[in-house]
């Protein structure tokens, strides 16, 4: 089969690689019809995080089940399924309590499992991991575009909102105007927040944030951004969502939180170690810091119900669509901020 392969900073190539096969009774092989490029993929693309040269990339597949092992009971060939970014067995201590990202099996997309930006993937533990799309929506392209973010960014934005304690009538500050931050705005709106203040640096993305429910936006940087956020919230927000991962974003989250407030953080950390976490700011303000890597499998059915019901639509985050050969261009477009998130259709 063909799949996207990392060849060094700024270099993604489409290569012939072995197609994954059913090897265990709990396996399922999926023909990937939709996948995506994630903002977290840009860290290794830019050379800012380590990744093995020659490794397959991608972690947001959705597609059609081709083959299943003899022990699989929840899906069968022909089913349309969503495969969340963190592979989970569904049976260990952590999966049983909904913390799927801490699954004891430690499986990942890549190599024998295929890589999420390719023509096929293998899902170990299909019954514990895959989410089946209802048959009546399985071939509706508009609905499928809205469902694809359930593999990662929509559930991640939702995790930020839940971790920040967002509820009906609340005021919340969302830091970040990427796909996760925009999904966080959607999540806060869905949970009933009265005021949603989106902070970012790109006018077009903040315009989309307003479409998603943001009541105010802030484009300023540094101290000016913090000052404006504190002005709008009369001294700080009780609920802050950090959706970037950079050390500066976490500092901003701490600075705009009201004393006694809660920060929900889901941005993949980069630069925090070097800069140092502002523990004094957390301590001084009696702030709660809650979040981490999002267990999106735990939220999938809940959010899917609203998508197929027509009350939730994250699909506008996809501002560019490519086929498999277009994946290298998709990385470039996201790296150059020409696209918010790139949808990939490997078979077109």
Protein backbone atom coordinates (compact mmCIF):
# COMPACT_ATOMS: atom_id res chain seq x y z
CA UNK A 1 0.00 0.00 0.00
CA UNK A 2 0.97 3.68 -0.08
CA UNK A 3 1.49 5.78 3.01
CA UNK A 4 3.05 9.04 4.20
CA UNK A 5 6.55 8.62 5.62
CA UNK A 6 8.72 11.07 7.60
CA UNK A 7 12.09 11.67 5.92
CA UNK A 8 13.40 14.47 8.10
CA UNK A 9 12.38 18.03 9.04
CA UNK A 10 10.22 19.51 6.29
CA UNK A 11 10.19 16.23 4.34
CA UNK A 12 7.14 13.98 4.02
CA UNK A 13 7.11 11.45 1.19
CA UNK A 14 4.50 9.02 -0.11
CA UNK A 15 6.03 5.56 -0.32
CA UNK A 16 5.15 1.91 -0.89
CA UNK A 17 5.07 0.10 2.45
CA UNK A 18 3.79 -3.30 3.64
CA UNK A 19 0.03 -3.40 4.02
CA UNK A 20 -1.11 -4.31 7.56
CA UNK A 21 -2.68 -7.73 8.02
CA UNK A 22 -4.92 -9.34 10.61
CA UNK A 23 -2.50 -11.13 12.90
CA UNK A 24 -4.46 -11.49 16.12
CA UNK A 25 -8.08 -12.58 16.80
CA UNK A 26 -8.80 -9.06 18.12
CA UNK A 27 -7.45 -7.18 15.05
CA UNK A 28 -9.35 -5.29 12.37
CA UNK A 29 -7.95 -3.92 9.10
CA UNK A 30 -9.53 -0.68 7.84
CA UNK A 31 -9.41 0.89 4.40
CA UNK A 32 -8.86 4.56 5.24
CA UNK A 33 -11.32 6.81 3.41
CA UNK A 34 -10.72 9.97 5.46
CA UNK A 35 -7.84 11.09 7.64
CA UNK A 36 -6.16 14.38 8.54
CA UNK A 37 -2.97 16.25 9.32
CA UNK A 38 -2.79 17.35 12.94
CA UNK A 39 -1.22 20.45 14.40
CA UNK A 40 0.85 18.16 16.63
CA UNK A 41 2.36 16.63 13.47
CA UNK A 42 4.01 19.98 12.81
CA UNK A 43 6.30 19.62 15.82
CA UNK A 44 8.33 16.81 14.20
CA UNK A 45 7.83 18.32 10.73
CA UNK A 46 9.58 21.47 11.97
CA UNK A 47 12.31 19.46 13.69
CA UNK A 48 11.15 20.61 17.12
CA UNK A 49 10.51 17.08 18.42
CA UNK A 50 12.22 13.76 17.81
CA UNK A 51 10.88 11.22 15.34
CA UNK A 52 12.55 8.29 13.66
CA UNK A 53 13.39 8.97 10.02
CA UNK A 54 11.50 6.49 7.85
CA UNK A 55 8.55 6.15 10.24
CA UNK A 56 4.97 6.34 9.01
CA UNK A 57 2.91 9.30 10.17
CA UNK A 58 -0.70 10.19 10.98
CA UNK A 59 -3.10 9.27 13.76
CA UNK A 60 -6.67 10.32 12.73
CA UNK A 61 -8.11 7.57 10.48
CA UNK A 62 -11.71 6.85 9.56
CA UNK A 63 -12.76 4.26 7.03
CA UNK A 64 -14.37 0.95 6.10
CA UNK A 65 -13.64 -2.31 7.88
CA UNK A 66 -12.02 -4.74 5.41
CA UNK A 67 -11.27 -7.75 7.61
CA UNK A 68 -11.59 -8.74 11.26
CA UNK A 69 -10.08 -11.36 13.52
CA UNK A 70 -12.22 -14.23 14.75
CA UNK A 71 -12.72 -12.70 18.22
CA UNK A 72 -14.07 -9.34 17.00
CA UNK A 73 -17.79 -8.89 17.66
CA UNK A 74 -18.54 -5.13 17.59
CA UNK A 75 -17.77 -4.47 13.91
CA UNK A 76 -17.72 -6.47 10.70
CA UNK A 77 -16.48 -5.99 7.14
CA UNK A 78 -18.31 -3.13 5.43
CA UNK A 79 -18.89 -1.08 8.58
CA UNK A 80 -17.85 2.56 8.60
CA UNK A 81 -15.74 3.24 11.69
CA UNK A 82 -13.88 6.03 13.47
CA UNK A 83 -10.49 5.18 14.99
CA UNK A 84 -9.51 7.63 17.78
CA UNK A 85 -5.89 8.74 17.85
CA UNK A 86 -4.94 6.72 20.95
CA UNK A 87 -5.38 2.98 20.43
CA UNK A 88 -7.08 1.40 23.45
CA UNK A 89 -7.84 -2.18 24.48
CA UNK A 90 -11.06 -1.33 26.34
CA UNK A 91 -10.32 -3.84 29.10
CA UNK A 92 -7.41 -2.64 31.25
CA UNK A 93 -7.73 -0.63 34.48
CA UNK A 94 -7.47 2.70 32.70
CA UNK A 95 -9.77 1.92 29.78
CA UNK A 96 -12.45 0.71 32.18
CA UNK A 97 -12.54 4.12 33.87
CA UNK A 98 -12.48 6.07 30.61
CA UNK A 99 -8.80 7.05 30.61
CA UNK A 100 -8.17 5.39 27.25
CA UNK A 101 -5.00 7.34 26.57
CA UNK A 102 -3.30 5.51 29.45
CA UNK A 103 -4.14 2.06 28.03
CA UNK A 104 -1.68 -0.49 29.35
CA UNK A 105 -1.19 -2.01 25.88
CA UNK A 106 0.67 1.10 24.59
CA UNK A 107 -0.18 0.49 20.92
CA UNK A 108 0.21 3.32 18.39
CA UNK A 109 -0.41 4.07 14.73
CA UNK A 110 2.63 3.24 12.68
CA UNK A 111 4.73 0.44 11.22
CA UNK A 112 2.79 -2.84 11.63
CA UNK A 113 -0.39 -0.86 12.30
CA UNK A 114 0.00 1.08 9.06
CA UNK A 115 0.30 4.79 9.88
CA UNK A 116 -2.79 7.00 9.97
CA UNK A 117 -1.98 8.87 6.74
CA UNK A 118 -2.06 5.89 4.41
CA UNK A 119 -4.41 3.60 2.53
CA UNK A 120 -4.90 1.01 5.28
CA UNK A 121 -4.47 0.70 9.04
CA UNK A 122 -4.72 -2.17 11.47
CA UNK A 123 -6.48 -1.66 14.78
CA UNK A 124 -5.46 -4.05 17.52
CA UNK A 125 -8.27 -4.54 20.05
CA UNK A 126 -10.97 -3.53 17.57
CA UNK A 127 -13.79 -4.09 20.08
CA UNK A 128 -12.18 -1.80 22.64
CA UNK A 129 -11.20 0.94 20.24
CA UNK A 130 -13.30 1.42 17.12
CA UNK A 131 -16.45 3.56 17.05
CA UNK A 132 -19.05 2.45 14.52
CA UNK A 133 -20.83 5.10 12.45
CA UNK A 134 -24.59 4.48 12.21
CA UNK A 135 -25.52 2.96 8.86
CA UNK A 136 -27.85 5.82 7.91
CA UNK A 137 -24.89 8.24 8.03
CA UNK A 138 -22.15 5.92 6.77
CA UNK A 139 -22.11 7.30 3.22
CA UNK A 140 -23.16 10.92 3.80
CA UNK A 141 -20.03 12.90 2.89
CA UNK A 142 -21.09 16.06 4.73
CA UNK A 143 -21.69 14.09 7.92
CA UNK A 144 -18.42 12.18 7.52
CA UNK A 145 -16.46 15.45 7.31
CA UNK A 146 -18.09 16.46 10.60
CA UNK A 147 -17.39 13.09 12.22
CA UNK A 148 -13.70 12.92 11.30
CA UNK A 149 -12.66 15.42 14.06
CA UNK A 150 -13.89 12.86 16.59
CA UNK A 151 -10.62 11.03 15.96
CA UNK A 152 -8.78 13.81 17.78
CA UNK A 153 -9.36 17.58 17.80
CA UNK A 154 -13.07 17.77 18.66
CA UNK A 155 -12.66 15.42 21.60
CA UNK A 156 -9.49 17.25 22.61
CA UNK A 157 -11.26 20.62 22.62
CA UNK A 158 -14.10 19.05 24.60
CA UNK A 159 -11.59 17.66 27.11
CA UNK A 160 -10.22 21.18 27.60
CA UNK A 161 -13.69 22.51 28.34
CA UNK A 162 -14.57 19.65 30.69
CA UNK A 163 -11.21 19.92 32.47
CA UNK A 164 -11.73 23.67 32.91
CA UNK A 165 -15.11 23.01 34.50
CA UNK A 166 -17.12 24.92 31.89
CA UNK A 167 -20.86 24.90 32.54
CA UNK A 168 -24.00 26.82 31.60
CA UNK A 169 -23.71 30.57 32.12
CA UNK A 170 -19.93 30.60 32.57
CA UNK A 171 -17.32 32.96 31.17
CA UNK A 172 -14.37 31.16 29.60
CA UNK A 173 -11.14 32.22 27.90
CA UNK A 174 -9.89 29.93 25.12
CA UNK A 175 -6.18 30.30 24.30
CA UNK A 176 -5.28 29.20 20.78
CA UNK A 177 -6.90 29.59 17.35
CA UNK A 178 -5.80 26.30 15.81
CA UNK A 179 -8.10 23.35 15.22
CA UNK A 180 -8.04 22.37 18.90
CA UNK A 181 -8.73 25.89 20.13
CA UNK A 182 -11.58 26.30 17.66
CA UNK A 183 -12.96 22.93 18.74
CA UNK A 184 -12.66 24.19 22.30
CA UNK A 185 -14.84 27.17 21.42
CA UNK A 186 -17.42 24.78 19.99
CA UNK A 187 -17.23 22.66 23.13
CA UNK A 188 -17.67 25.64 25.46
CA UNK A 189 -20.65 26.82 23.42
CA UNK A 190 -22.14 23.31 23.52
CA UNK A 191 -21.77 23.21 27.32
CA UNK A 192 -23.67 26.49 27.64
CA UNK A 193 -20.97 29.07 28.34
CA UNK A 194 -22.45 32.58 28.25
CA UNK A 195 -19.25 34.37 27.27
CA UNK A 196 -16.43 32.77 25.26
CA UNK A 197 -13.32 34.90 24.72
CA UNK A 198 -11.04 33.46 22.05
CA UNK A 199 -7.37 34.49 22.02
CA UNK A 200 -5.22 34.06 18.90
CA UNK A 201 -3.15 35.79 16.24
CA UNK A 202 -5.04 35.16 12.99
CA UNK A 203 -8.07 37.23 11.98
CA UNK A 204 -9.54 34.53 9.72
CA UNK A 205 -9.36 31.90 12.44
CA UNK A 206 -10.88 34.19 15.03
CA UNK A 207 -13.68 34.96 12.59
CA UNK A 208 -14.37 31.21 12.51
CA UNK A 209 -14.23 31.20 16.31
CA UNK A 210 -17.03 33.76 16.28
CA UNK A 211 -19.02 31.53 13.93
CA UNK A 212 -18.48 28.73 16.45
CA UNK A 213 -19.80 30.80 19.35
CA UNK A 214 -17.03 33.10 20.60
CA UNK A 215 -18.55 36.32 21.95
CA UNK A 216 -15.27 38.28 21.95
CA UNK A 217 -11.84 37.80 20.40
CA UNK A 218 -8.35 39.05 21.25
CA UNK A 219 -5.56 39.35 18.68
CA UNK A 220 -3.04 41.24 20.80
CA UNK A 221 0.15 39.51 21.96
CA UNK A 222 2.06 39.27 25.23
CA UNK A 223 1.19 41.61 28.07
CA UNK A 224 -1.32 43.50 25.93
CA UNK A 225 -3.30 40.29 25.36
CA UNK A 226 -3.31 39.46 29.07
CA UNK A 227 -4.38 43.00 29.95
CA UNK A 228 -7.24 42.88 27.46
CA UNK A 229 -8.44 39.48 28.67
CA UNK A 230 -8.41 40.60 32.29
CA UNK A 231 -10.25 43.79 31.31
CA UNK A 232 -12.97 41.83 29.50
CA UNK A 233 -13.39 39.43 32.42
CA UNK A 234 -13.21 42.08 35.17
CA UNK A 235 -10.01 40.68 36.64
CA UNK A 236 -9.76 37.19 35.19
CA UNK A 237 -11.85 34.21 34.11
CA UNK A 238 -12.88 31.33 36.36
CA UNK A 239 -12.45 28.94 33.43
CA UNK A 240 -9.46 29.01 31.05
CA UNK A 241 -8.71 26.55 28.24
CA UNK A 242 -5.07 26.21 27.12
CA UNK A 243 -5.14 24.69 23.62
CA UNK A 244 -1.62 25.39 22.30
CA UNK A 245 1.01 23.64 24.39
CA UNK A 246 3.72 26.32 24.17
CA UNK A 247 5.22 27.61 27.40
CA UNK A 248 4.01 31.12 26.57
CA UNK A 249 0.43 29.88 26.21
CA UNK A 250 0.52 28.25 29.63
CA UNK A 251 1.92 31.47 31.13
CA UNK A 252 -0.94 33.38 29.51
CA UNK A 253 -3.47 30.89 30.90
CA UNK A 254 -2.16 31.41 34.41
CA UNK A 255 -2.12 35.18 34.00
CA UNK A 256 -5.73 35.45 32.76
CA UNK A 257 -7.24 33.04 35.30
CA UNK A 258 -9.17 34.52 38.19
CA UNK A 259 -8.00 33.53 41.67
CA UNK A 260 -9.58 30.20 42.56
CA UNK A 261 -10.19 29.40 38.89
CA UNK A 262 -9.46 26.31 36.81
CA UNK A 263 -7.22 25.88 33.77
CA UNK A 264 -8.03 23.00 31.43
CA UNK A 265 -4.91 22.22 29.40
CA UNK A 266 -4.70 19.96 26.35
CA UNK A 267 -1.96 21.51 24.19
CA UNK A 268 0.91 19.07 23.62
CA UNK A 269 3.67 20.64 25.78
CA UNK A 270 6.59 22.27 23.96
CA UNK A 271 8.96 24.76 25.50
CA UNK A 272 7.44 24.37 28.96
CA UNK A 273 10.44 22.46 30.27
CA UNK A 274 12.92 25.12 29.16
CA UNK A 275 10.82 28.06 30.34
CA UNK A 276 9.69 26.40 33.55
CA UNK A 277 6.08 26.13 34.68
CA UNK A 278 4.93 29.16 36.63
CA UNK A 279 4.13 27.19 39.77
CA UNK A 280 4.30 30.38 41.84
CA UNK A 281 1.46 31.85 39.76
CA UNK A 282 -0.62 28.72 40.27
CA UNK A 283 0.14 28.74 43.98
CA UNK A 284 -0.48 32.45 44.50
CA UNK A 285 -3.84 32.33 42.74
CA UNK A 286 -5.04 29.03 44.22
CA UNK A 287 -5.51 27.85 40.64
CA UNK A 288 -6.46 24.33 39.63
CA UNK A 289 -4.56 22.88 36.67
CA UNK A 290 -6.36 19.94 35.10
CA UNK A 291 -6.19 18.13 31.77
CA UNK A 292 -3.62 16.33 29.68
CA UNK A 293 -3.79 14.10 26.64
CA UNK A 294 -7.48 13.81 25.77
CA UNK A 295 -9.22 10.42 26.13
CA UNK A 296 -11.29 11.13 23.02
CA UNK A 297 -12.66 7.57 22.87
CA UNK A 298 -14.55 8.33 26.07
CA UNK A 299 -16.35 11.28 24.47
CA UNK A 300 -16.95 9.83 21.00
CA UNK A 301 -20.52 8.55 21.28
CA UNK A 302 -21.72 11.62 23.19
CA UNK A 303 -20.34 14.03 20.61
CA UNK A 304 -21.34 11.85 17.66
CA UNK A 305 -24.97 12.00 18.78
CA UNK A 306 -24.95 15.79 18.48
CA UNK A 307 -23.19 15.71 15.10
CA UNK A 308 -25.62 13.29 13.49
CA UNK A 309 -28.45 15.17 15.20
CA UNK A 310 -27.40 18.35 13.41
CA UNK A 311 -26.54 20.48 16.46
CA UNK A 312 -22.74 20.24 16.26
CA UNK A 313 -20.58 20.76 13.17
CA UNK A 314 -16.79 21.07 13.45
CA UNK A 315 -16.18 20.52 9.72
CA UNK A 316 -15.30 24.19 8.94
CA UNK A 317 -11.91 23.58 10.60
CA UNK A 318 -10.98 21.71 7.41
CA UNK A 319 -9.90 24.50 5.10
CA UNK A 320 -7.98 22.35 2.64
CA UNK A 321 -8.59 18.85 1.22
CA UNK A 322 -5.95 16.73 -0.52
CA UNK A 323 -5.49 13.20 -1.81
CA UNK A 324 -2.65 11.01 -0.58
CA UNK A 325 -0.17 12.50 -3.04
CA UNK A 326 -1.10 15.93 -1.68
CA UNK A 327 -0.10 15.15 1.92
CA UNK A 328 3.36 16.79 1.63
CA UNK A 329 1.67 19.95 0.32
CA UNK A 330 -0.84 19.69 3.16
CA UNK A 331 1.97 19.74 5.72
CA UNK A 332 3.50 22.76 4.01
CA UNK A 333 0.18 24.61 3.95
CA UNK A 334 -0.39 24.03 7.65
CA UNK A 335 3.20 24.94 8.50
CA UNK A 336 2.81 28.21 6.58
CA UNK A 337 -0.55 28.91 8.25
CA UNK A 338 -2.34 28.70 4.91
CA UNK A 339 -4.66 26.01 6.25
CA UNK A 340 -6.16 25.46 9.68
CA UNK A 341 -6.47 21.70 9.28
CA UNK A 342 -6.03 19.51 6.20
CA UNK A 343 -8.43 16.69 5.39
CA UNK A 344 -6.88 13.77 3.48
CA UNK A 345 -8.84 11.38 1.25
CA UNK A 346 -6.33 8.63 0.38
CA UNK A 347 -8.36 7.02 -2.40
CA UNK A 348 -9.12 10.13 -4.46
